[in-house]
N, C-alpha and C. Protein backbone atom coordinates (compact mmCIF):
# COMPACT_ATOMS: atom_id res chain seq x y z
N MET A 1 167.86 50.89 88.35
CA MET A 1 166.98 52.00 88.94
C MET A 1 167.92 52.74 89.86
N SER A 2 167.86 54.16 89.79
CA SER A 2 168.58 54.96 90.66
C SER A 2 167.81 55.06 92.06
N GLY A 3 168.52 55.63 93.05
CA GLY A 3 168.04 55.62 94.43
C GLY A 3 166.70 56.41 94.43
N GLY A 4 166.71 57.50 93.70
CA GLY A 4 165.47 58.44 93.67
C GLY A 4 164.24 57.66 93.12
N GLY A 5 164.51 56.96 92.08
CA GLY A 5 163.40 56.06 91.46
C GLY A 5 163.01 54.95 92.31
N ARG A 6 163.80 54.48 93.06
CA ARG A 6 163.46 53.40 93.98
C ARG A 6 162.59 53.83 95.14
N GLU A 7 163.01 55.10 95.55
CA GLU A 7 162.27 55.77 96.68
C GLU A 7 160.87 56.18 96.19
N ALA A 8 160.79 56.59 94.97
CA ALA A 8 159.53 56.92 94.34
C ALA A 8 158.57 55.77 94.19
N ALA A 9 159.15 54.59 93.73
CA ALA A 9 158.30 53.50 93.63
C ALA A 9 157.87 52.92 94.92
N LEU A 10 158.72 52.98 96.06
CA LEU A 10 158.31 52.53 97.31
C LEU A 10 157.40 53.41 98.02
N LYS A 11 157.45 54.66 97.64
CA LYS A 11 156.54 55.62 98.23
C LYS A 11 155.10 55.39 97.59
N TYR A 12 155.10 55.05 96.22
CA TYR A 12 153.88 54.73 95.52
C TYR A 12 153.27 53.50 96.13
N LEU A 13 154.08 52.48 96.47
CA LEU A 13 153.59 51.08 96.90
C LEU A 13 153.02 51.44 98.31
N CYS A 14 153.77 52.24 99.15
CA CYS A 14 153.33 52.48 100.55
C CYS A 14 152.04 53.24 100.64
N GLN A 15 151.66 53.83 99.62
CA GLN A 15 150.31 54.55 99.51
C GLN A 15 149.22 53.56 99.52
N HIS A 16 149.41 52.37 99.03
CA HIS A 16 148.45 51.17 98.95
C HIS A 16 148.85 50.14 100.05
N ARG A 17 149.44 50.54 101.07
CA ARG A 17 149.83 49.54 102.13
C ARG A 17 148.58 48.74 102.63
N ALA A 18 147.51 49.43 102.83
CA ALA A 18 146.38 48.87 103.40
C ALA A 18 145.96 47.67 102.30
N SER A 19 146.01 47.95 101.09
CA SER A 19 145.69 46.95 100.15
C SER A 19 146.53 45.68 100.18
N PHE A 20 147.85 45.95 100.51
CA PHE A 20 148.74 44.85 100.53
C PHE A 20 148.57 43.99 101.89
N LYS A 21 148.11 44.75 102.87
CA LYS A 21 147.66 44.06 104.20
C LYS A 21 146.40 43.07 103.96
N PHE A 22 145.45 43.60 103.22
CA PHE A 22 144.30 42.89 102.83
C PHE A 22 144.72 41.66 101.91
N LEU A 23 145.60 41.82 101.06
CA LEU A 23 146.00 40.78 100.16
C LEU A 23 146.80 39.69 100.96
N PHE A 24 147.65 40.18 101.88
CA PHE A 24 148.24 39.21 102.80
C PHE A 24 147.25 38.33 103.52
N ALA A 25 146.37 38.96 104.17
CA ALA A 25 145.31 38.32 105.01
C ALA A 25 144.54 37.40 104.15
N GLY A 26 144.08 37.67 102.82
CA GLY A 26 143.43 36.87 102.00
C GLY A 26 144.30 35.64 101.60
N ALA A 27 145.52 35.95 101.29
CA ALA A 27 146.41 34.81 100.92
C ALA A 27 146.64 33.76 101.92
N VAL A 28 146.70 34.33 103.27
CA VAL A 28 146.84 33.42 104.46
C VAL A 28 145.51 32.48 104.55
N THR A 29 144.41 33.18 104.41
CA THR A 29 143.13 32.52 104.59
C THR A 29 142.93 31.40 103.45
N PHE A 30 143.23 31.82 102.25
CA PHE A 30 143.04 30.83 101.16
C PHE A 30 144.13 29.68 101.20
N LEU A 31 145.29 30.08 101.77
CA LEU A 31 146.31 28.95 101.84
C LEU A 31 145.89 27.88 102.99
N LEU A 32 145.25 28.51 104.00
CA LEU A 32 144.73 27.45 105.00
C LEU A 32 143.72 26.56 104.40
N PHE A 33 142.79 27.18 103.71
CA PHE A 33 141.74 26.30 103.02
C PHE A 33 142.33 25.41 102.03
N HIS A 34 143.22 25.77 101.32
CA HIS A 34 143.89 24.84 100.31
C HIS A 34 144.63 23.72 100.97
N PHE A 35 145.28 24.08 102.08
CA PHE A 35 146.03 23.00 102.90
C PHE A 35 145.04 22.04 103.41
N VAL A 36 144.00 22.45 103.88
CA VAL A 36 142.85 21.57 104.40
C VAL A 36 142.38 20.80 103.33
N SER A 37 142.08 21.37 102.22
CA SER A 37 141.57 20.48 100.92
C SER A 37 142.55 19.63 100.44
N LEU A 38 143.85 19.71 100.72
CA LEU A 38 144.70 18.66 100.35
C LEU A 38 144.51 17.24 101.02
N THR A 39 143.94 17.30 102.17
CA THR A 39 143.52 16.12 102.93
C THR A 39 142.37 15.44 102.35
N VAL A 40 141.57 16.12 101.51
CA VAL A 40 140.45 15.49 100.94
C VAL A 40 140.58 15.10 99.39
N VAL A 41 141.25 16.03 98.72
CA VAL A 41 141.51 15.66 97.22
C VAL A 41 142.48 14.52 97.07
N GLU A 42 142.31 13.67 96.30
CA GLU A 42 143.04 12.47 95.85
C GLU A 42 144.27 12.94 95.02
N PRO A 43 145.46 12.52 95.51
CA PRO A 43 146.66 12.79 94.68
C PRO A 43 146.56 12.16 93.22
N GLY A 44 147.05 12.99 92.28
CA GLY A 44 146.99 12.51 90.89
C GLY A 44 145.76 13.01 90.17
N THR A 45 144.78 13.56 90.73
CA THR A 45 143.64 13.99 90.02
C THR A 45 143.81 15.40 89.68
N PRO A 46 143.09 15.86 88.65
CA PRO A 46 143.15 17.25 88.20
C PRO A 46 142.82 18.39 89.34
N SER A 47 142.08 17.92 90.23
CA SER A 47 141.72 18.78 91.29
C SER A 47 142.95 18.98 92.29
N TYR A 48 143.73 17.88 92.49
CA TYR A 48 144.87 17.98 93.17
C TYR A 48 145.87 18.91 92.67
N VAL A 49 146.05 18.72 91.36
CA VAL A 49 147.06 19.57 90.61
C VAL A 49 146.73 21.03 90.71
N ILE A 50 145.43 21.38 90.56
CA ILE A 50 144.97 22.84 90.60
C ILE A 50 145.22 23.22 91.91
N THR A 51 144.97 22.51 93.04
CA THR A 51 145.14 22.91 94.39
C THR A 51 146.53 23.23 94.73
N VAL A 52 147.54 22.35 94.23
CA VAL A 52 148.95 22.56 94.37
C VAL A 52 149.35 23.93 93.62
N VAL A 53 148.88 24.03 92.48
CA VAL A 53 149.23 25.27 91.72
C VAL A 53 148.79 26.48 92.46
N ASN A 54 147.55 26.43 93.04
CA ASN A 54 146.91 27.49 93.73
C ASN A 54 147.71 27.72 95.02
N ILE A 55 148.31 26.73 95.65
CA ILE A 55 149.10 26.94 96.93
C ILE A 55 150.40 27.65 96.51
N VAL A 56 150.95 27.35 95.49
CA VAL A 56 152.30 27.96 94.99
C VAL A 56 151.99 29.48 94.61
N SER A 57 150.94 29.62 93.84
CA SER A 57 150.57 30.97 93.60
C SER A 57 150.32 31.82 94.76
N LEU A 58 149.57 31.38 95.72
CA LEU A 58 149.16 32.09 96.88
C LEU A 58 150.42 32.28 97.72
N GLY A 59 151.35 31.32 97.71
CA GLY A 59 152.67 31.50 98.44
C GLY A 59 153.43 32.67 97.88
N VAL A 60 153.40 32.79 96.56
CA VAL A 60 154.12 33.88 95.98
C VAL A 60 153.53 35.20 96.22
N LEU A 61 152.18 35.24 96.19
CA LEU A 61 151.49 36.47 96.66
C LEU A 61 151.75 36.86 98.21
N LEU A 62 151.76 35.84 99.02
CA LEU A 62 152.00 36.03 100.30
C LEU A 62 153.45 36.72 100.55
N VAL A 63 154.51 36.16 99.81
CA VAL A 63 155.79 36.72 100.04
C VAL A 63 155.86 38.10 99.39
N ILE A 64 155.25 38.43 98.31
CA ILE A 64 155.26 39.81 97.70
C ILE A 64 154.67 40.73 98.66
N SER A 65 153.55 40.32 99.23
CA SER A 65 152.71 41.25 99.99
C SER A 65 153.51 41.53 101.17
N LEU A 66 154.26 40.52 101.85
CA LEU A 66 154.89 40.62 103.04
C LEU A 66 156.14 41.53 102.83
N VAL A 67 156.82 41.32 101.69
CA VAL A 67 158.06 42.21 101.43
C VAL A 67 157.57 43.64 101.28
N VAL A 68 156.60 43.92 100.66
CA VAL A 68 156.01 45.24 100.49
C VAL A 68 155.69 45.93 101.88
N ILE A 69 154.96 45.15 102.74
CA ILE A 69 154.59 45.55 104.01
C ILE A 69 155.79 45.94 104.96
N ILE A 70 156.79 45.02 104.82
CA ILE A 70 158.09 45.25 105.67
C ILE A 70 158.81 46.30 105.15
N GLY A 71 158.86 46.49 103.79
CA GLY A 71 159.64 47.54 103.14
C GLY A 71 158.93 48.90 103.52
N CYS A 72 157.61 48.98 103.57
CA CYS A 72 156.90 50.16 103.83
C CYS A 72 157.20 50.54 105.40
N GLN A 73 157.19 49.56 106.23
CA GLN A 73 157.55 49.81 107.66
C GLN A 73 158.86 50.41 107.75
N ARG A 74 159.91 49.75 107.20
CA ARG A 74 161.20 50.42 107.22
C ARG A 74 161.39 51.78 106.62
N PHE A 75 160.55 51.96 105.52
CA PHE A 75 160.66 53.22 104.85
C PHE A 75 160.02 54.31 105.78
N ALA A 76 158.98 53.96 106.47
CA ALA A 76 158.35 54.84 107.39
C ALA A 76 159.26 55.19 108.58
N GLU A 77 159.90 54.13 109.00
CA GLU A 77 160.92 54.37 110.30
C GLU A 77 162.10 55.29 109.71
N GLN A 78 162.46 55.11 108.53
CA GLN A 78 163.62 55.91 107.99
C GLN A 78 163.26 57.42 107.85
N ASP A 79 162.05 57.67 107.57
CA ASP A 79 161.60 59.04 107.36
C ASP A 79 161.48 59.84 108.74
N LYS A 80 161.35 59.07 109.74
CA LYS A 80 161.22 59.76 111.07
C LYS A 80 162.51 60.45 111.49
């Protein structure tokens, strides 16, 4: 992707920055709930597997939303 395309994509993502902040907050909240539930669910059960898969998925969402939020912050500072 050329520099102009990358800027256009980042500009589009930054228009939805509030949504990514909401996604980040939701991922943190649900990660906390899932970590607490690991203390209750027995290892080896299907519930445990689902909880671990959810933790991994939420971790990925957390990283993606954080990268977009930080990227938008840097993009906004660069425009000044």
